[in-house]
Amino acid sequence: SLRLSCAASGRTWSIYALGWFRQAPGEERQFVAAINWYG
C-alpha cells in the first residue's frame, strides 16, 4: 500500500473538484479517481 497526498495552495477557494491521473512510460495519461471538493 501507499498513500499519495496532493496539497493545494493559491486560489483554493476556486477549486470545485480534484482528480488523480497516472501515466506509465509510453502510454497516455489516464484517469484514476476524482472527488468533489464540497460534497
PDB file of all heavy atoms in Angstrom:
ATOM      1  N   SER A   1       0.832  -1.203   0.000  1.00  0.00           N
ATOM      2  CA  SER A   1       0.000   0.000   0.000  1.00  0.00           C
ATOM      3  C   SER A   1       0.866   1.252   0.000  1.00  0.00           C
ATOM      4  O   SER A   1       2.007   1.232   0.482  1.00  0.00           O
ATOM      5  CB  SER A   1      -0.902   0.029   1.240  1.00  0.00           C
ATOM      6  OG  SER A   1      -1.786  -1.075   1.267  1.00  0.00           O
ATOM      7  N   LEU A   2       0.311   2.310  -0.544  1.00  0.00           N
ATOM      8  CA  LEU A   2       0.903   3.643  -0.475  1.00  0.00           C
ATOM      9  C   LEU A   2      -0.229   4.652  -0.335  1.00  0.00           C
ATOM     10  O   LEU A   2      -1.343   4.403  -0.810  1.00  0.00           O
ATOM     11  CB  LEU A   2       1.690   3.968  -1.746  1.00  0.00           C
ATOM     12  CG  LEU A   2       3.090   3.407  -1.927  1.00  0.00           C
ATOM     13  CD1 LEU A   2       3.615   3.776  -3.307  1.00  0.00           C
ATOM     14  CD2 LEU A   2       4.035   3.913  -0.850  1.00  0.00           C
ATOM     15  N   ARG A   3       0.068   5.792   0.286  1.00  0.00           N
ATOM     16  CA  ARG A   3      -0.889   6.885   0.317  1.00  0.00           C
ATOM     17  C   ARG A   3      -0.250   8.122  -0.291  1.00  0.00           C
ATOM     18  O   ARG A   3       0.767   8.606   0.208  1.00  0.00           O
ATOM     19  CB  ARG A   3      -1.353   7.200   1.742  1.00  0.00           C
ATOM     20  CG  ARG A   3      -2.506   8.207   1.746  1.00  0.00           C
ATOM     21  CD  ARG A   3      -3.039   8.506   3.121  1.00  0.00           C
ATOM     22  NE  ARG A   3      -2.216   9.456   3.841  1.00  0.00           N
ATOM     23  CZ  ARG A   3      -2.660  10.226   4.829  1.00  0.00           C
ATOM     24  NH1 ARG A   3      -3.938  10.152   5.194  1.00  0.00           N
ATOM     25  NH2 ARG A   3      -1.841  11.058   5.449  1.00  0.00           N
ATOM     26  N   LEU A   4      -0.856   8.587  -1.361  1.00  0.00           N
ATOM     27  CA  LEU A   4      -0.394   9.817  -2.004  1.00  0.00           C
ATOM     28  C   LEU A   4      -1.147  11.007  -1.437  1.00  0.00           C
ATOM     29  O   LEU A   4      -2.316  10.895  -1.082  1.00  0.00           O
ATOM     30  CB  LEU A   4      -0.628   9.746  -3.516  1.00  0.00           C
ATOM     31  CG  LEU A   4      -0.026   8.553  -4.254  1.00  0.00           C
ATOM     32  CD1 LEU A   4      -0.277   8.692  -5.753  1.00  0.00           C
ATOM     33  CD2 LEU A   4       1.449   8.399  -3.959  1.00  0.00           C
ATOM     34  N   SER A   5      -0.455  12.140  -1.376  1.00  0.00           N
ATOM     35  CA  SER A   5      -1.068  13.392  -0.936  1.00  0.00           C
ATOM     36  C   SER A   5      -0.913  14.437  -2.025  1.00  0.00           C
ATOM     37  O   SER A   5       0.068  14.433  -2.767  1.00  0.00           O
ATOM     38  CB  SER A   5      -0.394  13.901   0.338  1.00  0.00           C
ATOM     39  OG  SER A   5      -0.524  12.978   1.394  1.00  0.00           O
ATOM     40  N   CYS A   6      -1.881  15.326  -2.097  1.00  0.00           N
ATOM     41  CA  CYS A   6      -1.836  16.451  -3.025  1.00  0.00           C
ATOM     42  C   CYS A   6      -2.224  17.697  -2.241  1.00  0.00           C
ATOM     43  O   CYS A   6      -3.394  17.839  -1.843  1.00  0.00           O
ATOM     44  CB  CYS A   6      -2.781  16.238  -4.190  1.00  0.00           C
ATOM     45  SG  CYS A   6      -2.956  17.684  -5.281  1.00  0.00           S
ATOM     46  N   ALA A   7      -1.251  18.568  -2.004  1.00  0.00           N
ATOM     47  CA  ALA A   7      -1.501  19.791  -1.260  1.00  0.00           C
ATOM     48  C   ALA A   7      -1.761  20.942  -2.217  1.00  0.00           C
ATOM     49  O   ALA A   7      -0.948  21.197  -3.121  1.00  0.00           O
ATOM     50  CB  ALA A   7      -0.299  20.107  -0.369  1.00  0.00           C
ATOM     51  N   ALA A   8      -2.877  21.621  -2.017  1.00  0.00           N
ATOM     52  CA  ALA A   8      -3.255  22.748  -2.868  1.00  0.00           C
ATOM     53  C   ALA A   8      -2.964  24.059  -2.162  1.00  0.00           C
ATOM     54  O   ALA A   8      -3.132  24.177  -0.948  1.00  0.00           O
ATOM     55  CB  ALA A   8      -4.735  22.665  -3.222  1.00  0.00           C
ATOM     56  N   SER A   9      -2.535  25.046  -2.946  1.00  0.00           N
ATOM     57  CA  SER A   9      -2.308  26.389  -2.413  1.00  0.00           C
ATOM     58  C   SER A   9      -2.705  27.407  -3.472  1.00  0.00           C
ATOM     59  O   SER A   9      -3.002  27.054  -4.610  1.00  0.00           O
ATOM     60  CB  SER A   9      -0.845  26.569  -1.987  1.00  0.00           C
ATOM     61  OG  SER A   9       0.010  26.399  -3.099  1.00  0.00           O
ATOM     62  N   GLY A  10      -2.661  28.663  -3.095  1.00  0.00           N
ATOM     63  CA  GLY A  10      -3.090  29.713  -4.015  1.00  0.00           C
ATOM     64  C   GLY A  10      -4.576  29.941  -3.891  1.00  0.00           C
ATOM     65  O   GLY A  10      -5.107  30.038  -2.787  1.00  0.00           O
ATOM     66  N   ARG A  11      -5.290  29.998  -5.002  1.00  0.00           N
ATOM     67  CA  ARG A  11      -6.719  30.288  -5.024  1.00  0.00           C
ATOM     68  C   ARG A  11      -7.541  29.032  -4.753  1.00  0.00           C
ATOM     69  O   ARG A  11      -8.366  28.595  -5.548  1.00  0.00           O
ATOM     70  CB  ARG A  11      -7.102  30.899  -6.363  1.00  0.00           C
ATOM     71  CG  ARG A  11      -6.383  32.219  -6.649  1.00  0.00           C
ATOM     72  CD  ARG A  11      -6.717  32.769  -8.007  1.00  0.00           C
ATOM     73  NE  ARG A  11      -8.134  33.120  -8.129  1.00  0.00           N
ATOM     74  CZ  ARG A  11      -8.676  33.629  -9.223  1.00  0.00           C
ATOM     75  NH1 ARG A  11      -7.917  33.833 -10.299  1.00  0.00           N
ATOM     76  NH2 ARG A  11      -9.960  33.908  -9.266  1.00  0.00           N
ATOM     77  N   THR A  12      -7.326  28.465  -3.575  1.00  0.00           N
ATOM     78  CA  THR A  12      -8.001  27.210  -3.253  1.00  0.00           C
ATOM     79  C   THR A  12      -9.516  27.372  -3.152  1.00  0.00           C
ATOM     80  O   THR A  12     -10.252  26.414  -3.313  1.00  0.00           O
ATOM     81  CB  THR A  12      -7.449  26.622  -1.947  1.00  0.00           C
ATOM     82  OG1 THR A  12      -7.599  27.602  -0.908  1.00  0.00           O
ATOM     83  CG2 THR A  12      -5.984  26.258  -2.088  1.00  0.00           C
ATOM     84  N   TRP A  13      -9.958  28.578  -2.886  1.00  0.00           N
ATOM     85  CA  TRP A  13     -11.401  28.813  -2.791  1.00  0.00           C
ATOM     86  C   TRP A  13     -12.098  28.562  -4.122  1.00  0.00           C
ATOM     87  O   TRP A  13     -13.316  28.371  -4.180  1.00  0.00           O
ATOM     88  CB  TRP A  13     -11.671  30.251  -2.341  1.00  0.00           C
ATOM     89  CG  TRP A  13     -11.013  31.288  -3.201  1.00  0.00           C
ATOM     90  CD1 TRP A  13      -9.809  31.888  -2.975  1.00  0.00           C
ATOM     91  CD2 TRP A  13     -11.497  31.837  -4.435  1.00  0.00           C
ATOM     92  NE1 TRP A  13      -9.514  32.761  -3.987  1.00  0.00           N
ATOM     93  CE2 TRP A  13     -10.529  32.759  -4.890  1.00  0.00           C
ATOM     94  CE3 TRP A  13     -12.650  31.642  -5.187  1.00  0.00           C
ATOM     95  CZ2 TRP A  13     -10.697  33.480  -6.073  1.00  0.00           C
ATOM     96  CZ3 TRP A  13     -12.816  32.362  -6.362  1.00  0.00           C
ATOM     97  CH2 TRP A  13     -11.838  33.260  -6.790  1.00  0.00           C
ATOM     98  N   SER A  14     -11.316  28.573  -5.217  1.00  0.00           N
ATOM     99  CA  SER A  14     -11.902  28.387  -6.541  1.00  0.00           C
ATOM    100  C   SER A  14     -12.004  26.926  -6.962  1.00  0.00           C
ATOM    101  O   SER A  14     -12.583  26.613  -8.001  1.00  0.00           O
ATOM    102  CB  SER A  14     -11.062  29.134  -7.589  1.00  0.00           C
ATOM    103  OG  SER A  14      -9.781  28.525  -7.727  1.00  0.00           O
ATOM    104  N   ILE A  15     -11.468  26.028  -6.140  1.00  0.00           N
ATOM    105  CA  ILE A  15     -11.469  24.606  -6.510  1.00  0.00           C
ATOM    106  C   ILE A  15     -12.877  24.018  -6.378  1.00  0.00           C
ATOM    107  O   ILE A  15     -13.522  24.193  -5.349  1.00  0.00           O
ATOM    108  CB  ILE A  15     -10.494  23.813  -5.634  1.00  0.00           C
ATOM    109  CG1 ILE A  15      -9.055  24.282  -5.888  1.00  0.00           C
ATOM    110  CG2 ILE A  15     -10.615  22.312  -5.914  1.00  0.00           C
ATOM    111  CD1 ILE A  15      -8.042  23.662  -4.943  1.00  0.00           C
ATOM    112  N   TYR A  16     -13.320  23.313  -7.408  1.00  0.00           N
ATOM    113  CA  TYR A  16     -14.584  22.594  -7.340  1.00  0.00           C
ATOM    114  C   TYR A  16     -14.359  21.082  -7.215  1.00  0.00           C
ATOM    115  O   TYR A  16     -15.100  20.393  -6.535  1.00  0.00           O
ATOM    116  CB  TYR A  16     -15.456  22.868  -8.567  1.00  0.00           C
ATOM    117  CG  TYR A  16     -16.834  22.277  -8.431  1.00  0.00           C
ATOM    118  CD1 TYR A  16     -17.824  22.936  -7.712  1.00  0.00           C
ATOM    119  CD2 TYR A  16     -17.143  21.034  -8.995  1.00  0.00           C
ATOM    120  CE1 TYR A  16     -19.085  22.382  -7.550  1.00  0.00           C
ATOM    121  CE2 TYR A  16     -18.396  20.476  -8.837  1.00  0.00           C
ATOM    122  CZ  TYR A  16     -19.360  21.156  -8.116  1.00  0.00           C
ATOM    123  OH  TYR A  16     -20.602  20.599  -7.953  1.00  0.00           O
ATOM    124  N   ALA A  17     -13.343  20.592  -7.860  1.00  0.00           N
ATOM    125  CA  ALA A  17     -13.049  19.153  -7.796  1.00  0.00           C
ATOM    126  C   ALA A  17     -11.569  18.915  -8.039  1.00  0.00           C
ATOM    127  O   ALA A  17     -10.893  19.745  -8.665  1.00  0.00           O
ATOM    128  CB  ALA A  17     -13.868  18.384  -8.829  1.00  0.00           C
ATOM    129  N   LEU A  18     -11.085  17.806  -7.519  1.00  0.00           N
ATOM    130  CA  LEU A  18      -9.701  17.383  -7.758  1.00  0.00           C
ATOM    131  C   LEU A  18      -9.704  15.957  -8.262  1.00  0.00           C
ATOM    132  O   LEU A  18     -10.554  15.144  -7.872  1.00  0.00           O
ATOM    133  CB  LEU A  18      -8.869  17.474  -6.492  1.00  0.00           C
ATOM    134  CG  LEU A  18      -8.569  18.895  -6.051  1.00  0.00           C
ATOM    135  CD1 LEU A  18      -9.481  19.284  -4.911  1.00  0.00           C
ATOM    136  CD2 LEU A  18      -7.110  19.032  -5.648  1.00  0.00           C
ATOM    137  N   GLY A  19      -8.720  15.662  -9.081  1.00  0.00           N
ATOM    138  CA  GLY A  19      -8.603  14.319  -9.624  1.00  0.00           C
ATOM    139  C   GLY A  19      -7.179  13.818  -9.568  1.00  0.00           C
ATOM    140  O   GLY A  19      -6.235  14.599  -9.420  1.00  0.00           O
ATOM    141  N   TRP A  20      -7.065  12.509  -9.644  1.00  0.00           N
ATOM    142  CA  TRP A  20      -5.760  11.856  -9.787  1.00  0.00           C
ATOM    143  C   TRP A  20      -5.720  11.177 -11.150  1.00  0.00           C
ATOM    144  O   TRP A  20      -6.679  10.495 -11.541  1.00  0.00           O
ATOM    145  CB  TRP A  20      -5.549  10.812  -8.697  1.00  0.00           C
ATOM    146  CG  TRP A  20      -5.231  11.361  -7.351  1.00  0.00           C
ATOM    147  CD1 TRP A  20      -6.102  11.556  -6.314  1.00  0.00           C
ATOM    148  CD2 TRP A  20      -3.952  11.769  -6.869  1.00  0.00           C
ATOM    149  NE1 TRP A  20      -5.436  12.067  -5.230  1.00  0.00           N
ATOM    150  CE2 TRP A  20      -4.117  12.200  -5.538  1.00  0.00           C
ATOM    151  CE3 TRP A  20      -2.662  11.805  -7.424  1.00  0.00           C
ATOM    152  CZ2 TRP A  20      -3.060  12.669  -4.757  1.00  0.00           C
ATOM    153  CZ3 TRP A  20      -1.614  12.268  -6.651  1.00  0.00           C
ATOM    154  CH2 TRP A  20      -1.820  12.701  -5.334  1.00  0.00           C
ATOM    155  N   PHE A  21      -4.601  11.355 -11.838  1.00  0.00           N
ATOM    156  CA  PHE A  21      -4.334  10.689 -13.108  1.00  0.00           C
ATOM    157  C   PHE A  21      -2.981   9.997 -12.984  1.00  0.00           C
ATOM    158  O   PHE A  21      -2.199  10.303 -12.082  1.00  0.00           O
ATOM    159  CB  PHE A  21      -4.276  11.706 -14.263  1.00  0.00           C
ATOM    160  CG  PHE A  21      -5.621  12.242 -14.667  1.00  0.00           C
ATOM    161  CD1 PHE A  21      -6.295  13.159 -13.867  1.00  0.00           C
ATOM    162  CD2 PHE A  21      -6.216  11.850 -15.849  1.00  0.00           C
ATOM    163  CE1 PHE A  21      -7.535  13.655 -14.232  1.00  0.00           C
ATOM    164  CE2 PHE A  21      -7.457  12.347 -16.237  1.00  0.00           C
ATOM    165  CZ  PHE A  21      -8.110  13.251 -15.419  1.00  0.00           C
ATOM    166  N   ARG A  22      -2.719   9.084 -13.900  1.00  0.00           N
ATOM    167  CA  ARG A  22      -1.409   8.435 -13.905  1.00  0.00           C
ATOM    168  C   ARG A  22      -0.940   8.215 -15.339  1.00  0.00           C
ATOM    169  O   ARG A  22      -1.764   8.095 -16.266  1.00  0.00           O
ATOM    170  CB  ARG A  22      -1.430   7.113 -13.141  1.00  0.00           C
ATOM    171  CG  ARG A  22      -2.306   6.025 -13.762  1.00  0.00           C
ATOM    172  CD  ARG A  22      -2.377   4.826 -12.821  1.00  0.00           C
ATOM    173  NE  ARG A  22      -3.154   3.734 -13.400  1.00  0.00           N
ATOM    174  CZ  ARG A  22      -3.465   2.623 -12.734  1.00  0.00           C
ATOM    175  NH1 ARG A  22      -3.066   2.469 -11.472  1.00  0.00           N
ATOM    176  NH2 ARG A  22      -4.183   1.675 -13.334  1.00  0.00           N
ATOM    177  N   GLN A  23       0.374   8.175 -15.482  1.00  0.00           N
ATOM    178  CA  GLN A  23       0.958   7.987 -16.811  1.00  0.00           C
ATOM    179  C   GLN A  23       2.154   7.055 -16.712  1.00  0.00           C
ATOM    180  O   GLN A  23       3.128   7.366 -16.027  1.00  0.00           O
ATOM    181  CB  GLN A  23       1.378   9.328 -17.406  1.00  0.00           C
ATOM    182  CG  GLN A  23       1.823   9.236 -18.852  1.00  0.00           C
ATOM    183  CD  GLN A  23       1.940  10.612 -19.495  1.00  0.00           C
ATOM    184  OE1 GLN A  23       2.022  11.637 -18.819  1.00  0.00           O
ATOM    185  NE2 GLN A  23       1.940  10.639 -20.823  1.00  0.00           N
ATOM    186  N   ALA A  24       2.035   5.922 -17.382  1.00  0.00           N
ATOM    187  CA  ALA A  24       3.132   4.974 -17.463  1.00  0.00           C
ATOM    188  C   ALA A  24       3.972   5.298 -18.700  1.00  0.00           C
ATOM    189  O   ALA A  24       3.481   5.927 -19.640  1.00  0.00           O
ATOM    190  CB  ALA A  24       2.588   3.552 -17.550  1.00  0.00           C
ATOM    191  N   PRO A  25       5.228   4.869 -18.724  1.00  0.00           N
ATOM    192  CA  PRO A  25       6.097   5.159 -19.880  1.00  0.00           C
ATOM    193  C   PRO A  25       5.467   4.683 -21.183  1.00  0.00           C
ATOM    194  O   PRO A  25       5.004   3.546 -21.290  1.00  0.00           O
ATOM    195  CB  PRO A  25       7.368   4.388 -19.549  1.00  0.00           C
ATOM    196  CG  PRO A  25       7.385   4.297 -18.070  1.00  0.00           C
ATOM    197  CD  PRO A  25       5.942   4.150 -17.661  1.00  0.00           C
ATOM    198  N   GLY A  26       5.443   5.575 -22.176  1.00  0.00           N
ATOM    199  CA  GLY A  26       4.921   5.213 -23.488  1.00  0.00           C
ATOM    200  C   GLY A  26       3.417   5.176 -23.595  1.00  0.00           C
ATOM    201  O   GLY A  26       2.884   4.812 -24.649  1.00  0.00           O
ATOM    202  N   GLU A  27       2.723   5.547 -22.529  1.00  0.00           N
ATOM    203  CA  GLU A  27       1.263   5.494 -22.546  1.00  0.00           C
ATOM    204  C   GLU A  27       0.680   6.877 -22.299  1.00  0.00           C
ATOM    205  O   GLU A  27       1.359   7.784 -21.825  1.00  0.00           O
ATOM    206  CB  GLU A  27       0.755   4.517 -21.480  1.00  0.00           C
ATOM    207  CG  GLU A  27       1.198   3.088 -21.716  1.00  0.00           C
ATOM    208  CD  GLU A  27       0.565   2.121 -20.729  1.00  0.00           C
ATOM    209  OE1 GLU A  27      -0.347   2.535 -19.987  1.00  0.00           O
ATOM    210  OE2 GLU A  27       0.976   0.947 -20.722  1.00  0.00           O
ATOM    211  N   GLU A  28      -0.605   7.005 -22.622  1.00  0.00           N
ATOM    212  CA  GLU A  28      -1.286   8.260 -22.370  1.00  0.00           C
ATOM    213  C   GLU A  28      -1.629   8.394 -20.891  1.00  0.00           C
ATOM    214  O   GLU A  28      -1.759   7.396 -20.171  1.00  0.00           O
ATOM    215  CB  GLU A  28      -2.568   8.335 -23.196  1.00  0.00           C
ATOM    216  CG  GLU A  28      -2.334   8.449 -24.701  1.00  0.00           C
ATOM    217  CD  GLU A  28      -3.615   8.735 -25.448  1.00  0.00           C
ATOM    218  OE1 GLU A  28      -4.699   8.721 -24.822  1.00  0.00           O
ATOM    219  OE2 GLU A  28      -3.534   8.978 -26.666  1.00  0.00           O
ATOM    220  N   ARG A  29      -1.777   9.636 -20.466  1.00  0.00           N
ATOM    221  CA  ARG A  29      -2.196   9.880 -19.099  1.00  0.00           C
ATOM    222  C   ARG A  29      -3.650   9.440 -18.944  1.00  0.00           C
ATOM    223  O   ARG A  29      -4.510   9.805 -19.749  1.00  0.00           O
ATOM    224  CB  ARG A  29      -2.044  11.366 -18.771  1.00  0.00           C
ATOM    225  CG  ARG A  29      -2.127  11.697 -17.313  1.00  0.00           C
ATOM    226  CD  ARG A  29      -1.711  13.138 -17.057  1.00  0.00           C
ATOM    227  NE  ARG A  29      -0.324  13.377 -17.439  1.00  0.00           N
ATOM    228  CZ  ARG A  29       0.309  14.527 -17.183  1.00  0.00           C
ATOM    229  NH1 ARG A  29      -0.310  15.502 -16.542  1.00  0.00           N
ATOM    230  NH2 ARG A  29       1.562  14.684 -17.565  1.00  0.00           N
ATOM    231  N   GLN A  30      -3.901   8.657 -17.900  1.00  0.00           N
ATOM    232  CA  GLN A  30      -5.237   8.115 -17.732  1.00  0.00           C
ATOM    233  C   GLN A  30      -5.834   8.473 -16.382  1.00  0.00           C
ATOM    234  O   GLN A  30      -5.113   8.634 -15.397  1.00  0.00           O
ATOM    235  CB  GLN A  30      -5.235   6.583 -17.914  1.00  0.00           C
ATOM    236  CG  GLN A  30      -4.369   5.837 -16.953  1.00  0.00           C
ATOM    237  CD  GLN A  30      -4.411   4.334 -17.161  1.00  0.00           C
ATOM    238  OE1 GLN A  30      -4.337   3.562 -16.213  1.00  0.00           O
ATOM    239  NE2 GLN A  30      -4.549   3.893 -18.401  1.00  0.00           N
ATOM    240  N   PHE A  31      -7.143   8.546 -16.357  1.00  0.00           N
ATOM    241  CA  PHE A  31      -7.882   8.895 -15.150  1.00  0.00           C
ATOM    242  C   PHE A  31      -7.791   7.781 -14.112  1.00  0.00           C
ATOM    243  O   PHE A  31      -7.841   6.592 -14.449  1.00  0.00           O
ATOM    244  CB  PHE A  31      -9.340   9.144 -15.523  1.00  0.00           C
ATOM    245  CG  PHE A  31     -10.272   9.295 -14.357  1.00  0.00           C
ATOM    246  CD1 PHE A  31     -10.301  10.477 -13.628  1.00  0.00           C
ATOM    247  CD2 PHE A  31     -11.105   8.261 -13.977  1.00  0.00           C
ATOM    248  CE1 PHE A  31     -11.157  10.620 -12.550  1.00  0.00           C
ATOM    249  CE2 PHE A  31     -11.970   8.389 -12.909  1.00  0.00           C
ATOM    250  CZ  PHE A  31     -11.989   9.569 -12.197  1.00  0.00           C
ATOM    251  N   VAL A  32      -7.685   8.185 -12.841  1.00  0.00           N
ATOM    252  CA  VAL A  32      -7.667   7.236 -11.737  1.00  0.00           C
ATOM    253  C   VAL A  32      -8.877   7.453 -10.818  1.00  0.00           C
ATOM    254  O   VAL A  32      -9.647   6.525 -10.563  1.00  0.00           O
ATOM    255  CB  VAL A  32      -6.366   7.338 -10.928  1.00  0.00           C
ATOM    256  CG1 VAL A  32      -6.408   6.420  -9.715  1.00  0.00           C
ATOM    257  CG2 VAL A  32      -5.156   7.030 -11.801  1.00  0.00           C
ATOM    258  N   ALA A  33      -9.018   8.679 -10.316  1.00  0.00           N
ATOM    259  CA  ALA A  33     -10.099   8.962  -9.368  1.00  0.00           C
ATOM    260  C   ALA A  33     -10.324  10.465  -9.300  1.00  0.00           C
ATOM    261  O   ALA A  33      -9.429  11.245  -9.640  1.00  0.00           O
ATOM    262  CB  ALA A  33      -9.770   8.415  -7.985  1.00  0.00           C
ATOM    263  N   ALA A  34     -11.511  10.864  -8.853  1.00  0.00           N
ATOM    264  CA  ALA A  34     -11.828  12.273  -8.679  1.00  0.00           C
ATOM    265  C   ALA A  34     -12.755  12.447  -7.493  1.00  0.00           C
ATOM    266  O   ALA A  34     -13.504  11.527  -7.135  1.00  0.00           O
ATOM    267  CB  ALA A  34     -12.476  12.848  -9.939  1.00  0.00           C
ATOM    268  N   ILE A  35     -12.707  13.637  -6.887  1.00  0.00           N
ATOM    269  CA  ILE A  35     -13.545  13.930  -5.741  1.00  0.00           C
ATOM    270  C   ILE A  35     -14.061  15.355  -5.824  1.00  0.00           C
ATOM    271  O   ILE A  35     -13.334  16.267  -6.223  1.00  0.00           O
ATOM    272  CB  ILE A  35     -12.778  13.690  -4.419  1.00  0.00           C
ATOM    273  CG1 ILE A  35     -13.722  13.795  -3.221  1.00  0.00           C
ATOM    274  CG2 ILE A  35     -11.601  14.656  -4.280  1.00  0.00           C
ATOM    275  CD1 ILE A  35     -13.121  13.218  -1.937  1.00  0.00           C
ATOM    276  N   ASN A  36     -15.325  15.514  -5.486  1.00  0.00           N
ATOM    277  CA  ASN A  36     -15.938  16.829  -5.400  1.00  0.00           C
ATOM    278  C   ASN A  36     -15.473  17.491  -4.108  1.00  0.00           C
ATOM    279  O   ASN A  36     -15.578  16.895  -3.038  1.00  0.00           O
ATOM    280  CB  ASN A  36     -17.454  16.672  -5.425  1.00  0.00           C
ATOM    281  CG  ASN A  36     -18.180  17.996  -5.358  1.00  0.00           C
ATOM    282  OD1 ASN A  36     -18.113  18.719  -4.358  1.00  0.00           O
ATOM    283  ND2 ASN A  36     -18.876  18.329  -6.420  1.00  0.00           N
ATOM    284  N   TRP A  37     -14.929  18.682  -4.226  1.00  0.00           N
ATOM    285  CA  TRP A  37     -14.299  19.337  -3.076  1.00  0.00           C
ATOM    286  C   TRP A  37     -15.297  19.626  -1.966  1.00  0.00           C
ATOM    287  O   TRP A  37     -14.930  19.634  -0.785  1.00  0.00           O
ATOM    288  CB  TRP A  37     -13.647  20.623  -3.554  1.00  0.00           C
ATOM    289  CG  TRP A  37     -12.746  21.290  -2.565  1.00  0.00           C
ATOM    290  CD1 TRP A  37     -12.882  22.535  -2.036  1.00  0.00           C
ATOM    291  CD2 TRP A  37     -11.554  20.745  -1.987  1.00  0.00           C
ATOM    292  NE1 TRP A  37     -11.857  22.789  -1.165  1.00  0.00           N
ATOM    293  CE2 TRP A  37     -11.023  21.717  -1.116  1.00  0.00           C
ATOM    294  CE3 TRP A  37     -10.903  19.522  -2.112  1.00  0.00           C
ATOM    295  CZ2 TRP A  37      -9.864  21.510  -0.390  1.00  0.00           C
ATOM    296  CZ3 TRP A  37      -9.737  19.325  -1.384  1.00  0.00           C
ATOM    297  CH2 TRP A  37      -9.237  20.307  -0.540  1.00  0.00           C
ATOM    298  N   TYR A  38     -16.562  19.864  -2.284  1.00  0.00           N
ATOM    299  CA  TYR A  38     -17.534  20.253  -1.281  1.00  0.00           C
ATOM    300  C   TYR A  38     -18.398  19.089  -0.811  1.00  0.00           C
ATOM    301  O   TYR A  38     -18.488  18.815   0.378  1.00  0.00           O
ATOM    302  CB  TYR A  38     -18.397  21.387  -1.832  1.00  0.00           C
ATOM    303  CG  TYR A  38     -17.572  22.606  -2.106  1.00  0.00           C
ATOM    304  CD1 TYR A  38     -17.170  22.917  -3.394  1.00  0.00           C
ATOM    305  CD2 TYR A  38     -17.154  23.433  -1.071  1.00  0.00           C
ATOM    306  CE1 TYR A  38     -16.376  24.022  -3.641  1.00  0.00           C
ATOM    307  CE2 TYR A  38     -16.366  24.546  -1.309  1.00  0.00           C
ATOM    308  CZ  TYR A  38     -15.975  24.824  -2.601  1.00  0.00           C
ATOM    309  OH  TYR A  38     -15.184  25.902  -2.844  1.00  0.00           O
ATOM    310  N   GLY A  39     -19.004  18.378  -1.732  1.00  0.00           N
ATOM    311  CA  GLY A  39     -19.898  17.297  -1.347  1.00  0.00           C
ATOM    312  C   GLY A  39     -19.216  15.984  -1.094  1.00  0.00           C
ATOM    313  O   GLY A  39     -19.770  15.106  -0.432  1.00  0.00           O
TER     314      GLY A  39
END
